PDB file of N, CA and C in Angstrom:
ATOM      1  N   MET A   1      12.718  15.731 -15.560  1.00  0.00           N
ATOM      2  CA  MET A   1      13.995  15.075 -15.348  1.00  0.00           C
ATOM      3  C   MET A   1      15.115  16.083 -15.596  1.00  0.00           C
ATOM      4  N   VAL A   2      16.005  16.190 -14.624  1.00  0.00           N
ATOM      5  CA  VAL A   2      17.107  17.135 -14.709  1.00  0.00           C
ATOM      6  C   VAL A   2      18.365  16.397 -15.144  1.00  0.00           C
ATOM      7  N   ASN A   3      19.053  16.941 -16.124  1.00  0.00           N
ATOM      8  CA  ASN A   3      20.317  16.354 -16.557  1.00  0.00           C
ATOM      9  C   ASN A   3      21.420  16.777 -15.611  1.00  0.00           C
ATOM     10  N   GLU A   4      22.079  15.802 -15.011  1.00  0.00           N
ATOM     11  CA  GLU A   4      23.193  16.108 -14.127  1.00  0.00           C
ATOM     12  C   GLU A   4      24.462  16.240 -14.948  1.00  0.00           C
ATOM     13  N   PRO A   5      25.327  17.187 -14.596  1.00  0.00           N
ATOM     14  CA  PRO A   5      26.560  17.354 -15.369  1.00  0.00           C
ATOM     15  C   PRO A   5      27.474  16.137 -15.192  1.00  0.00           C
ATOM     16  N   ASN A   6      28.221  15.851 -16.225  1.00  0.00           N
ATOM     17  CA  ASN A   6      29.162  14.736 -16.195  1.00  0.00           C
ATOM     18  C   ASN A   6      30.553  15.299 -15.919  1.00  0.00           C
ATOM     19  N   PHE A   7      31.096  14.997 -14.766  1.00  0.00           N
ATOM     20  CA  PHE A   7      32.406  15.512 -14.393  1.00  0.00           C
ATOM     21  C   PHE A   7      33.519  14.505 -14.646  1.00  0.00           C
ATOM     22  N   GLY A   8      33.195  13.419 -15.287  1.00  0.00           N
ATOM     23  CA  GLY A   8      34.218  12.414 -15.585  1.00  0.00           C
ATOM     24  C   GLY A   8      34.864  11.881 -14.322  1.00  0.00           C
ATOM     25  N   GLY A   9      36.181  11.867 -14.283  1.00  0.00           N
ATOM     26  CA  GLY A   9      36.925  11.316 -13.153  1.00  0.00           C
ATOM     27  C   GLY A   9      37.256  12.336 -12.076  1.00  0.00           C
ATOM     28  N   ILE A  10      36.565  13.460 -12.088  1.00  0.00           N
ATOM     29  CA  ILE A  10      36.901  14.524 -11.125  1.00  0.00           C
ATOM     30  C   ILE A  10      36.700  14.075  -9.684  1.00  0.00           C
ATOM     31  N   TRP A  11      35.685  13.244  -9.426  1.00  0.00           N
ATOM     32  CA  TRP A  11      35.432  12.802  -8.045  1.00  0.00           C
ATOM     33  C   TRP A  11      36.530  11.877  -7.561  1.00  0.00           C
ATOM     34  N   GLU A  12      37.033  11.035  -8.438  1.00  0.00           N
ATOM     35  CA  GLU A  12      38.143  10.159  -8.065  1.00  0.00           C
ATOM     36  C   GLU A  12      39.389  10.984  -7.757  1.00  0.00           C
ATOM     37  N   GLU A  13      39.620  12.025  -8.580  1.00  0.00           N
ATOM     38  CA  GLU A  13      40.766  12.911  -8.330  1.00  0.00           C
ATOM     39  C   GLU A  13      40.614  13.625  -6.995  1.00  0.00           C
ATOM     40  N   ALA A  14      39.412  14.088  -6.710  1.00  0.00           N
ATOM     41  CA  ALA A  14      39.159  14.783  -5.450  1.00  0.00           C
ATOM     42  C   ALA A  14      39.395  13.851  -4.270  1.00  0.00           C
ATOM     43  N   ASP A  15      38.943  12.602  -4.381  1.00  0.00           N
ATOM     44  CA  ASP A  15      39.175  11.625  -3.312  1.00  0.00           C
ATOM     45  C   ASP A  15      40.660  11.389  -3.099  1.00  0.00           C
ATOM     46  N   ALA A  16      41.418  11.285  -4.193  1.00  0.00           N
ATOM     47  CA  ALA A  16      42.863  11.072  -4.088  1.00  0.00           C
ATOM     48  C   ALA A  16      43.537  12.254  -3.403  1.00  0.00           C
ATOM     49  N   ILE A  17      43.106  13.458  -3.724  1.00  0.00           N
ATOM     50  CA  ILE A  17      43.686  14.660  -3.106  1.00  0.00           C
ATOM     51  C   ILE A  17      43.365  14.696  -1.619  1.00  0.00           C
ATOM     52  N   VAL A  18      42.135  14.401  -1.264  1.00  0.00           N
ATOM     53  CA  VAL A  18      41.741  14.376   0.158  1.00  0.00           C
ATOM     54  C   VAL A  18      42.544  13.327   0.911  1.00  0.00           C
ATOM     55  N   SER A  19      42.736  12.143   0.326  1.00  0.00           N
ATOM     56  CA  SER A  19      43.524  11.088   0.975  1.00  0.00           C
ATOM     57  C   SER A  19      44.964  11.531   1.185  1.00  0.00           C
ATOM     58  N   ALA A  20      45.536  12.187   0.180  1.00  0.00           N
ATOM     59  CA  ALA A  20      46.919  12.662   0.303  1.00  0.00           C
ATOM     60  C   ALA A  20      47.036  13.705   1.402  1.00  0.00           C
ATOM     61  N   ILE A  21      46.064  14.582   1.494  1.00  0.00           N
ATOM     62  CA  ILE A  21      46.070  15.612   2.548  1.00  0.00           C
ATOM     63  C   ILE A  21      45.952  14.955   3.918  1.00  0.00           C
ATOM     64  N   GLN A  22      45.076  13.959   4.051  1.00  0.00           N
ATOM     65  CA  GLN A  22      44.910  13.272   5.329  1.00  0.00           C
ATOM     66  C   GLN A  22      46.199  12.569   5.737  1.00  0.00           C
ATOM     67  N   GLU A  23      46.874  11.894   4.797  1.00  0.00           N
ATOM     68  CA  GLU A  23      48.126  11.207   5.118  1.00  0.00           C
ATOM     69  C   GLU A  23      49.192  12.210   5.532  1.00  0.00           C
ATOM     70  N   THR A  24      49.245  13.356   4.841  1.00  0.00           N
ATOM     71  CA  THR A  24      50.211  14.394   5.194  1.00  0.00           C
ATOM     72  C   THR A  24      49.923  14.923   6.593  1.00  0.00           C
ATOM     73  N   PHE A  25      48.642  15.133   6.905  1.00  0.00           N
ATOM     74  CA  PHE A  25      48.269  15.617   8.229  1.00  0.00           C
ATOM     75  C   PHE A  25      48.676  14.618   9.294  1.00  0.00           C
ATOM     76  N   GLU A  26      48.447  13.330   9.050  1.00  0.00           N
ATOM     77  CA  GLU A  26      48.855  12.298  10.001  1.00  0.00           C
ATOM     78  C   GLU A  26      50.365  12.336  10.210  1.00  0.00           C
ATOM     79  N   ASP A  27      51.116  12.541   9.131  1.00  0.00           N
ATOM     80  CA  ASP A  27      52.575  12.623   9.214  1.00  0.00           C
ATOM     81  C   ASP A  27      52.985  13.801  10.091  1.00  0.00           C
ATOM     82  N   TRP A  28      52.324  14.945   9.954  1.00  0.00           N
ATOM     83  CA  TRP A  28      52.657  16.127  10.753  1.00  0.00           C
ATOM     84  C   TRP A  28      52.419  15.906  12.232  1.00  0.00           C
ATOM     85  N   LYS A  29      51.438  15.080  12.580  1.00  0.00           N
ATOM     86  CA  LYS A  29      51.090  14.866  13.984  1.00  0.00           C
ATOM     87  C   LYS A  29      52.072  13.947  14.702  1.00  0.00           C
ATOM     88  N   MET A  30      52.968  13.298  13.978  1.00  0.00           N
ATOM     89  CA  MET A  30      53.875  12.343  14.598  1.00  0.00           C
ATOM     90  C   MET A  30      54.932  13.030  15.448  1.00  0.00           C
ATOM     91  N   ASP A  31      55.338  12.355  16.505  1.00  0.00           N
ATOM     92  CA  ASP A  31      56.464  12.803  17.302  1.00  0.00           C
ATOM     93  C   ASP A  31      57.744  12.633  16.499  1.00  0.00           C
ATOM     94  N   PHE A  32      58.810  13.264  16.953  1.00  0.00           N
ATOM     95  CA  PHE A  32      60.079  13.238  16.234  1.00  0.00           C
ATOM     96  C   PHE A  32      60.557  11.843  15.856  1.00  0.00           C
ATOM     97  N   PRO A  33      60.701  10.890  16.785  1.00  0.00           N
ATOM     98  CA  PRO A  33      61.212   9.581  16.371  1.00  0.00           C
ATOM     99  C   PRO A  33      60.292   8.899  15.364  1.00  0.00           C
ATOM    100  N   ALA A  34      58.985   9.045  15.538  1.00  0.00           N
ATOM    101  CA  ALA A  34      58.041   8.402  14.629  1.00  0.00           C
ATOM    102  C   ALA A  34      58.205   8.939  13.215  1.00  0.00           C
ATOM    103  N   LYS A  35      58.415  10.222  13.092  1.00  0.00           N
ATOM    104  CA  LYS A  35      58.582  10.824  11.770  1.00  0.00           C
ATOM    105  C   LYS A  35      59.862  10.300  11.108  1.00  0.00           C
ATOM    106  N   GLU A  36      60.932  10.176  11.876  1.00  0.00           N
ATOM    107  CA  GLU A  36      62.196   9.654  11.356  1.00  0.00           C
ATOM    108  C   GLU A  36      62.045   8.180  10.940  1.00  0.00           C
ATOM    109  N   ILE A  37      61.367   7.401  11.765  1.00  0.00           N
ATOM    110  CA  ILE A  37      61.119   5.989  11.465  1.00  0.00           C
ATOM    111  C   ILE A  37      60.244   5.871  10.217  1.00  0.00           C
ATOM    112  N   PHE A  38      59.202   6.690  10.149  1.00  0.00           N
ATOM    113  CA  PHE A  38      58.289   6.700   9.013  1.00  0.00           C
ATOM    114  C   PHE A  38      59.060   6.934   7.721  1.00  0.00           C
ATOM    115  N   THR A  39      59.916   7.941   7.718  1.00  0.00           N
ATOM    116  CA  THR A  39      60.695   8.287   6.531  1.00  0.00           C
ATOM    117  C   THR A  39      61.613   7.136   6.121  1.00  0.00           C
ATOM    118  N   ALA A  40      62.290   6.531   7.078  1.00  0.00           N
ATOM    119  CA  ALA A  40      63.197   5.420   6.785  1.00  0.00           C
ATOM    120  C   ALA A  40      62.436   4.218   6.225  1.00  0.00           C
ATOM    121  N   LEU A  41      61.312   3.864   6.837  1.00  0.00           N
ATOM    122  CA  LEU A  41      60.562   2.693   6.388  1.00  0.00           C
ATOM    123  C   LEU A  41      59.899   2.921   5.033  1.00  0.00           C
ATOM    124  N   ARG A  42      59.491   4.146   4.756  1.00  0.00           N
ATOM    125  CA  ARG A  42      58.945   4.453   3.428  1.00  0.00           C
ATOM    126  C   ARG A  42      60.026   4.272   2.363  1.00  0.00           C
ATOM    127  N   ALA A  43      61.258   4.664   2.678  1.00  0.00           N
ATOM    128  CA  ALA A  43      62.375   4.474   1.738  1.00  0.00           C
ATOM    129  C   ALA A  43      62.623   2.982   1.520  1.00  0.00           C
ATOM    130  N   VAL A  44      62.538   2.202   2.592  1.00  0.00           N
ATOM    131  CA  VAL A  44      62.706   0.750   2.481  1.00  0.00           C
ATOM    132  C   VAL A  44      61.616   0.179   1.573  1.00  0.00           C
ATOM    133  N   LYS A  45      60.384   0.591   1.809  1.00  0.00           N
ATOM    134  CA  LYS A  45      59.251   0.085   1.021  1.00  0.00           C
ATOM    135  C   LYS A  45      59.427   0.396  -0.467  1.00  0.00           C
ATOM    136  N   LYS A  46      59.925   1.574  -0.787  1.00  0.00           N
ATOM    137  CA  LYS A  46      60.089   1.963  -2.191  1.00  0.00           C
ATOM    138  C   LYS A  46      61.057   1.053  -2.940  1.00  0.00           C
ATOM    139  N   ARG A  47      61.978   0.427  -2.226  1.00  0.00           N
ATOM    140  CA  ARG A  47      62.956  -0.462  -2.870  1.00  0.00           C
ATOM    141  C   ARG A  47      62.518  -1.917  -2.914  1.00  0.00           C
ATOM    142  N   LEU A  48      61.403  -2.213  -2.271  1.00  0.00           N
ATOM    143  CA  LEU A  48      60.932  -3.600  -2.225  1.00  0.00           C
ATOM    144  C   LEU A  48      59.829  -3.841  -3.249  1.00  0.00           C
ATOM    145  N   ILE A  49      59.828  -5.034  -3.796  1.00  0.00           N
ATOM    146  CA  ILE A  49      58.759  -5.479  -4.682  1.00  0.00           C
ATOM    147  C   ILE A  49      57.861  -6.365  -3.825  1.00  0.00           C
ATOM    148  N   ASP A  50      56.593  -5.997  -3.754  1.00  0.00           N
ATOM    149  CA  ASP A  50      55.642  -6.646  -2.851  1.00  0.00           C
ATOM    150  C   ASP A  50      54.426  -7.145  -3.631  1.00  0.00           C
ATOM    151  N   PRO A  51      54.577  -8.242  -4.382  1.00  0.00           N
ATOM    152  CA  PRO A  51      53.475  -8.711  -5.234  1.00  0.00           C
ATOM    153  C   PRO A  51      52.232  -9.150  -4.451  1.00  0.00           C
ATOM    154  N   MET A  52      52.403  -9.540  -3.202  1.00  0.00           N
ATOM    155  CA  MET A  52      51.271 -10.003  -2.400  1.00  0.00           C
ATOM    156  C   MET A  52      50.638  -8.876  -1.577  1.00  0.00           C
ATOM    157  N   LYS A  53      51.168  -7.661  -1.712  1.00  0.00           N
ATOM    158  CA  LYS A  53      50.654  -6.478  -0.990  1.00  0.00           C
ATOM    159  C   LYS A  53      50.709  -6.653   0.523  1.00  0.00           C
ATOM    160  N   ASN A  54      51.743  -7.346   0.999  1.00  0.00           N
ATOM    161  CA  ASN A  54      51.886  -7.580   2.436  1.00  0.00           C
ATOM    162  C   ASN A  54      52.177  -6.307   3.225  1.00  0.00           C
ATOM    163  N   ILE A  55      52.895  -5.391   2.609  1.00  0.00           N
ATOM    164  CA  ILE A  55      53.267  -4.182   3.354  1.00  0.00           C
ATOM    165  C   ILE A  55      52.519  -2.950   2.823  1.00  0.00           C
ATOM    166  N   ARG A  56      51.315  -3.179   2.346  1.00  0.00           N
ATOM    167  CA  ARG A  56      50.526  -2.076   1.789  1.00  0.00           C
ATOM    168  C   ARG A  56      50.163  -1.025   2.838  1.00  0.00           C
ATOM    169  N   ASN A  57      50.145  -1.407   4.109  1.00  0.00           N
ATOM    170  CA  ASN A  57      49.770  -0.418   5.130  1.00  0.00           C
ATOM    171  C   ASN A  57      50.966   0.435   5.581  1.00  0.00           C
ATOM    172  N   TRP A  58      52.147   0.170   5.029  1.00  0.00           N
ATOM    173  CA  TRP A  58      53.302   1.005   5.351  1.00  0.00           C
ATOM    174  C   TRP A  58      53.082   2.366   4.694  1.00  0.00           C
ATOM    175  N   GLY A  59      52.834   3.356   5.482  1.00  0.00           N
ATOM    176  CA  GLY A  59      52.621   4.699   4.951  1.00  0.00           C
ATOM    177  C   GLY A  59      51.397   5.353   5.550  1.00  0.00           C
ATOM    178  N   LYS A  60      50.667   4.600   6.338  1.00  0.00           N
ATOM    179  CA  LYS A  60      49.457   5.135   6.960  1.00  0.00           C
ATOM    180  C   LYS A  60      49.660   5.205   8.463  1.00  0.00           C
ATOM    181  N   GLY A  61      49.793   6.406   8.980  1.00  0.00           N
ATOM    182  CA  GLY A  61      49.952   6.592  10.413  1.00  0.00           C
ATOM    183  C   GLY A  61      51.352   6.287  10.912  1.00  0.00           C
ATOM    184  N   ASP A  62      51.472   6.194  12.195  1.00  0.00           N
ATOM    185  CA  ASP A  62      52.740   5.920  12.878  1.00  0.00           C
ATOM    186  C   ASP A  62      53.070   4.433  12.723  1.00  0.00           C
ATOM    187  N   PRO A  63      54.300   4.099  12.299  1.00  0.00           N
ATOM    188  CA  PRO A  63      54.658   2.694  12.097  1.00  0.00           C
ATOM    189  C   PRO A  63      54.464   1.815  13.334  1.00  0.00           C
ATOM    190  N   CYS A  64      54.642   2.373  14.520  1.00  0.00           N
ATOM    191  CA  CYS A  64      54.518   1.575  15.747  1.00  0.00           C
ATOM    192  C   CYS A  64      53.081   1.503  16.252  1.00  0.00           C
ATOM    193  N   THR A  65      52.410   2.616  16.301  1.00  0.00           N
ATOM    194  CA  THR A  65      51.063   2.618  16.869  1.00  0.00           C
ATOM    195  C   THR A  65      49.999   2.186  15.867  1.00  0.00           C
ATOM    196  N   SER A  66      50.311   2.240  14.579  1.00  0.00           N
ATOM    197  CA  SER A  66      49.354   1.803  13.551  1.00  0.00           C
ATOM    198  C   SER A  66      49.562   0.347  13.155  1.00  0.00           C
ATOM    199  N   LYS A  67      50.505  -0.316  13.803  1.00  0.00           N
ATOM    200  CA  LYS A  67      50.760  -1.748  13.606  1.00  0.00           C
ATOM    201  C   LYS A  67      51.045  -2.102  12.147  1.00  0.00           C
ATOM    202  N   TRP A  68      52.076  -1.473  11.599  1.00  0.00           N
ATOM    203  CA  TRP A  68      52.489  -1.829  10.246  1.00  0.00           C
ATOM    204  C   TRP A  68      52.916  -3.286  10.239  1.00  0.00           C
ATOM    205  N   LYS A  69      52.517  -4.017   9.219  1.00  0.00           N
ATOM    206  CA  LYS A  69      52.819  -5.449   9.129  1.00  0.00           C
ATOM    207  C   LYS A  69      54.326  -5.672   9.060  1.00  0.00           C
ATOM    208  N   GLY A  70      54.816  -6.569   9.918  1.00  0.00           N
ATOM    209  CA  GLY A  70      56.228  -6.917   9.943  1.00  0.00           C
ATOM    210  C   GLY A  70      57.090  -5.995  10.788  1.00  0.00           C
ATOM    211  N   ILE A  71      56.496  -5.001  11.410  1.00  0.00           N
ATOM    212  CA  ILE A  71      57.242  -4.040  12.233  1.00  0.00           C
ATOM    213  C   ILE A  71      56.982  -4.351  13.706  1.00  0.00           C
ATOM    214  N   VAL A  72      58.044  -4.512  14.461  1.00  0.00           N
ATOM    215  CA  VAL A  72      57.933  -4.736  15.906  1.00  0.00           C
ATOM    216  C   VAL A  72      58.625  -3.563  16.586  1.00  0.00           C
ATOM    217  N   CYS A  73      57.934  -2.935  17.517  1.00  0.00           N
ATOM    218  CA  CYS A  73      58.482  -1.773  18.216  1.00  0.00           C
ATOM    219  C   CYS A  73      58.715  -2.083  19.685  1.00  0.00           C
ATOM    220  N   LYS A  74      59.765  -1.483  20.216  1.00  0.00           N
ATOM    221  CA  LYS A  74      60.036  -1.582  21.656  1.00  0.00           C
ATOM    222  C   LYS A  74      59.038  -0.715  22.384  1.00  0.00           C
ATOM    223  N   ASP A  75      58.811  -1.062  23.619  1.00  0.00           N
ATOM    224  CA  ASP A  75      57.936  -0.214  24.418  1.00  0.00           C
ATOM    225  C   ASP A  75      58.673   1.065  24.792  1.00  0.00           C
ATOM    226  N   LYS A  76      58.019   1.880  25.544  1.00  0.00           N
ATOM    227  CA  LYS A  76      58.560   3.196  25.870  1.00  0.00           C
ATOM    228  C   LYS A  76      59.571   3.176  27.007  1.00  0.00           C
ATOM    229  N   ASN A  77      60.190   2.045  27.264  1.00  0.00           N
ATOM    230  CA  ASN A  77      61.160   1.956  28.354  1.00  0.00           C
ATOM    231  C   ASN A  77      62.541   2.470  27.971  1.00  0.00           C
ATOM    232  N   THR A  78      62.689   2.945  26.745  1.00  0.00           N
ATOM    233  CA  THR A  78      63.973   3.523  26.360  1.00  0.00           C
ATOM    234  C   THR A  78      64.138   4.849  27.082  1.00  0.00           C
ATOM    235  N   THR A  79      65.310   5.387  27.051  1.00  0.00           N
ATOM    236  CA  THR A  79      65.588   6.604  27.820  1.00  0.00           C
ATOM    237  C   THR A  79      64.795   7.811  27.343  1.00  0.00           C
ATOM    238  N   ASP A  80      64.359   7.822  26.087  1.00  0.00           N
ATOM    239  CA  ASP A  80      63.626   8.993  25.601  1.00  0.00           C
ATOM    240  C   ASP A  80      62.113   8.878  25.743  1.00  0.00           C
ATOM    241  N   GLY A  81      61.612   7.700  26.120  1.00  0.00           N
ATOM    242  CA  GLY A  81      60.181   7.530  26.340  1.00  0.00           C
ATOM    243  C   GLY A  81      59.363   7.303  25.082  1.00  0.00           C
ATOM    244  N   TYR A  82      60.002   7.117  23.925  1.00  0.00           N
ATOM    245  CA  TYR A  82      59.293   6.898  22.671  1.00  0.00           C
ATOM    246  C   TYR A  82      59.373   5.435  22.242  1.00  0.00           C
ATOM    247  N   LEU A  83      58.445   5.041  21.369  1.00  0.00           N
ATOM    248  CA  LEU A  83      58.522   3.723  20.742  1.00  0.00           C
ATOM    249  C   LEU A  83      59.568   3.766  19.629  1.00  0.00           C
ATOM    250  N   HIS A  84      60.291   2.677  19.447  1.00  0.00           N
ATOM    251  CA  HIS A  84      61.297   2.572  18.391  1.00  0.00           C
ATOM    252  C   HIS A  84      61.172   1.208  17.724  1.00  0.00           C
ATOM    253  N   VAL A  85      61.492   1.145  16.420  1.00  0.00           N
ATOM    254  CA  VAL A  85      61.464  -0.127  15.700  1.00  0.00           C
ATOM    255  C   VAL A  85      62.585  -1.002  16.223  1.00  0.00           C
ATOM    256  N   ASN A  86      62.219  -2.173  16.708  1.00  0.00           N
ATOM    257  CA  ASN A  86      63.147  -3.145  17.262  1.00  0.00           C
ATOM    258  C   ASN A  86      63.440  -4.251  16.250  1.00  0.00           C
ATOM    259  N   ALA A  87      62.441  -4.607  15.430  1.00  0.00           N
ATOM    260  CA  ALA A  87      62.612  -5.716  14.504  1.00  0.00           C
ATOM    261  C   ALA A  87      61.800  -5.503  13.231  1.00  0.00           C
ATOM    262  N   LEU A  88      62.350  -5.999  12.131  1.00  0.00           N
ATOM    263  CA  LEU A  88      61.635  -6.090  10.862  1.00  0.00           C
ATOM    264  C   LEU A  88      61.472  -7.579  10.578  1.00  0.00           C
ATOM    265  N   LEU A  89      60.258  -8.052  10.634  1.00  0.00           N
ATOM    266  CA  LEU A  89      59.966  -9.471  10.419  1.00  0.00           C
ATOM    267  C   LEU A  89      59.325  -9.619   9.041  1.00  0.00           C
ATOM    268  N   LEU A  90      60.176  -9.765   8.033  1.00  0.00           N
ATOM    269  CA  LEU A  90      59.707  -9.743   6.656  1.00  0.00           C
ATOM    270  C   LEU A  90      59.818 -11.087   5.941  1.00  0.00           C
ATOM    271  N   LEU A  91      60.217 -12.126   6.682  1.00  0.00           N
ATOM    272  CA  LEU A  91      60.315 -13.450   6.082  1.00  0.00           C
ATOM    273  C   LEU A  91      58.938 -13.949   5.634  1.00  0.00           C
ATOM    274  N   LYS A  92      58.923 -14.768   4.622  1.00  0.00           N
ATOM    275  CA  LYS A  92      57.705 -15.411   4.123  1.00  0.00           C
ATOM    276  C   LYS A  92      56.660 -14.407   3.637  1.00  0.00           C
ATOM    277  N   MET A  93      57.111 -13.212   3.236  1.00  0.00           N
ATOM    278  CA  MET A  93      56.189 -12.220   2.681  1.00  0.00           C
ATOM    279  C   MET A  93      56.339 -12.098   1.169  1.00  0.00           C
ATOM    280  N   ASN A  94      57.208 -12.931   0.592  1.00  0.00           N
ATOM    281  CA  ASN A  94      57.433 -12.934  -0.849  1.00  0.00           C
ATOM    282  C   ASN A  94      57.920 -11.570  -1.357  1.00  0.00           C
ATOM    283  N   LEU A  95      58.780 -10.932  -0.573  1.00  0.00           N
ATOM    284  CA  LEU A  95      59.346  -9.639  -0.957  1.00  0.00           C
ATOM    285  C   LEU A  95      60.649  -9.853  -1.706  1.00  0.00           C
ATOM    286  N   SER A  96      60.944  -8.937  -2.601  1.00  0.00           N
ATOM    287  CA  SER A  96      62.245  -8.936  -3.265  1.00  0.00           C
ATOM    288  C   SER A  96      62.650  -7.477  -3.458  1.00  0.00           C
ATOM    289  N   GLY A  97      63.878  -7.270  -3.914  1.00  0.00           N
ATOM    290  CA  GLY A  97      64.371  -5.919  -4.117  1.00  0.00           C
ATOM    291  C   GLY A  97      65.687  -5.722  -3.402  1.00  0.00           C
ATOM    292  N   THR A  98      66.023  -4.483  -3.141  1.00  0.00           N
ATOM    293  CA  THR A  98      67.275  -4.162  -2.463  1.00  0.00           C
ATOM    294  C   THR A  98      66.992  -3.452  -1.147  1.00  0.00           C
ATOM    295  N   LEU A  99      67.957  -3.539  -0.244  1.00  0.00           N
ATOM    296  CA  LEU A  99      67.810  -2.853   1.038  1.00  0.00           C
ATOM    297  C   LEU A  99      68.181  -1.386   0.881  1.00  0.00           C
ATOM    298  N   ALA A 100      67.401  -0.537   1.467  1.00  0.00           N
ATOM    299  CA  ALA A 100      67.640   0.897   1.394  1.00  0.00           C
ATOM    300  C   ALA A 100      68.666   1.310   2.442  1.00  0.00           C
ATOM    301  N   PRO A 101      69.554   2.235   2.110  1.00  0.00           N
ATOM    302  CA  PRO A 101      70.529   2.710   3.093  1.00  0.00           C
ATOM    303  C   PRO A 101      69.869   3.378   4.298  1.00  0.00           C
ATOM    304  N   GLU A 102      68.635   3.811   4.146  1.00  0.00           N
ATOM    305  CA  GLU A 102      67.902   4.447   5.246  1.00  0.00           C
ATOM    306  C   GLU A 102      67.655   3.507   6.408  1.00  0.00           C
ATOM    307  N   LEU A 103      67.882   2.200   6.208  1.00  0.00           N
ATOM    308  CA  LEU A 103      67.787   1.256   7.332  1.00  0.00           C
ATOM    309  C   LEU A 103      68.714   1.677   8.460  1.00  0.00           C
ATOM    310  N   GLY A 104      69.814   2.331   8.114  1.00  0.00           N
ATOM    311  CA  GLY A 104      70.760   2.809   9.116  1.00  0.00           C
ATOM    312  C   GLY A 104      70.169   3.831  10.063  1.00  0.00           C
ATOM    313  N   GLN A 105      69.059   4.454   9.675  1.00  0.00           N
ATOM    314  CA  GLN A 105      68.391   5.436  10.540  1.00  0.00           C
ATOM    315  C   GLN A 105      67.602   4.765  11.655  1.00  0.00           C
ATOM    316  N   LEU A 106      67.378   3.473  11.528  1.00  0.00           N
ATOM    317  CA  LEU A 106      66.641   2.737  12.563  1.00  0.00           C
ATOM    318  C   LEU A 106      67.636   2.283  13.620  1.00  0.00           C
ATOM    319  N   SER A 107      68.020   3.204  14.463  1.00  0.00           N
ATOM    320  CA  SER A 107      69.113   2.988  15.409  1.00  0.00           C
ATOM    321  C   SER A 107      68.803   1.947  16.493  1.00  0.00           C
ATOM    322  N   HIS A 108      67.536   1.599  16.680  1.00  0.00           N
ATOM    323  CA  HIS A 108      67.171   0.596  17.698  1.00  0.00           C
ATOM    324  C   HIS A 108      66.874  -0.760  17.069  1.00  0.00           C
ATOM    325  N   LEU A 109      67.105  -0.906  15.759  1.00  0.00           N
ATOM    326  CA  LEU A 109      66.832  -2.160  15.072  1.00  0.00           C
ATOM    327  C   LEU A 109      67.809  -3.241  15.543  1.00  0.00           C
ATOM    328  N   GLU A 110      67.266  -4.354  16.016  1.00  0.00           N
ATOM    329  CA  GLU A 110      68.082  -5.455  16.516  1.00  0.00           C
ATOM    330  C   GLU A 110      67.891  -6.727  15.701  1.00  0.00           C
ATOM    331  N   ILE A 111      66.722  -6.894  15.089  1.00  0.00           N
ATOM    332  CA  ILE A 111      66.391  -8.126  14.375  1.00  0.00           C
ATOM    333  C   ILE A 111      65.867  -7.769  12.993  1.00  0.00           C
ATOM    334  N   MET A 112      66.423  -8.480  11.981  1.00  0.00           N
ATOM    335  CA  MET A 112      65.931  -8.256  10.631  1.00  0.00           C
ATOM    336  C   MET A 112      65.893  -9.576   9.897  1.00  0.00           C
TER     337      MET A 112
END
């Protein structure tokens, strides 16, 4: 019988580092508007209290193509050919907190 070394929580730390690298890589792959939208919505999320974890997927991938909960995007019929956030549908999600000034970066937002 061989005694295996005990590394404690090192594997959990390694998994967390790999996940962070993957999320960063996904962020780098985004087109310009998606990156700007991502940054604005992450700022919004940081100011919200979400006890029901309704917006837990905010932060993984492109907000429009990854179908973040409560985010509605316009199709690519805008003049630049990109998807843009058209609406934030956050009612009945039991959210509280304050609105982030970064909402102003969502220049195509029509419904909130």
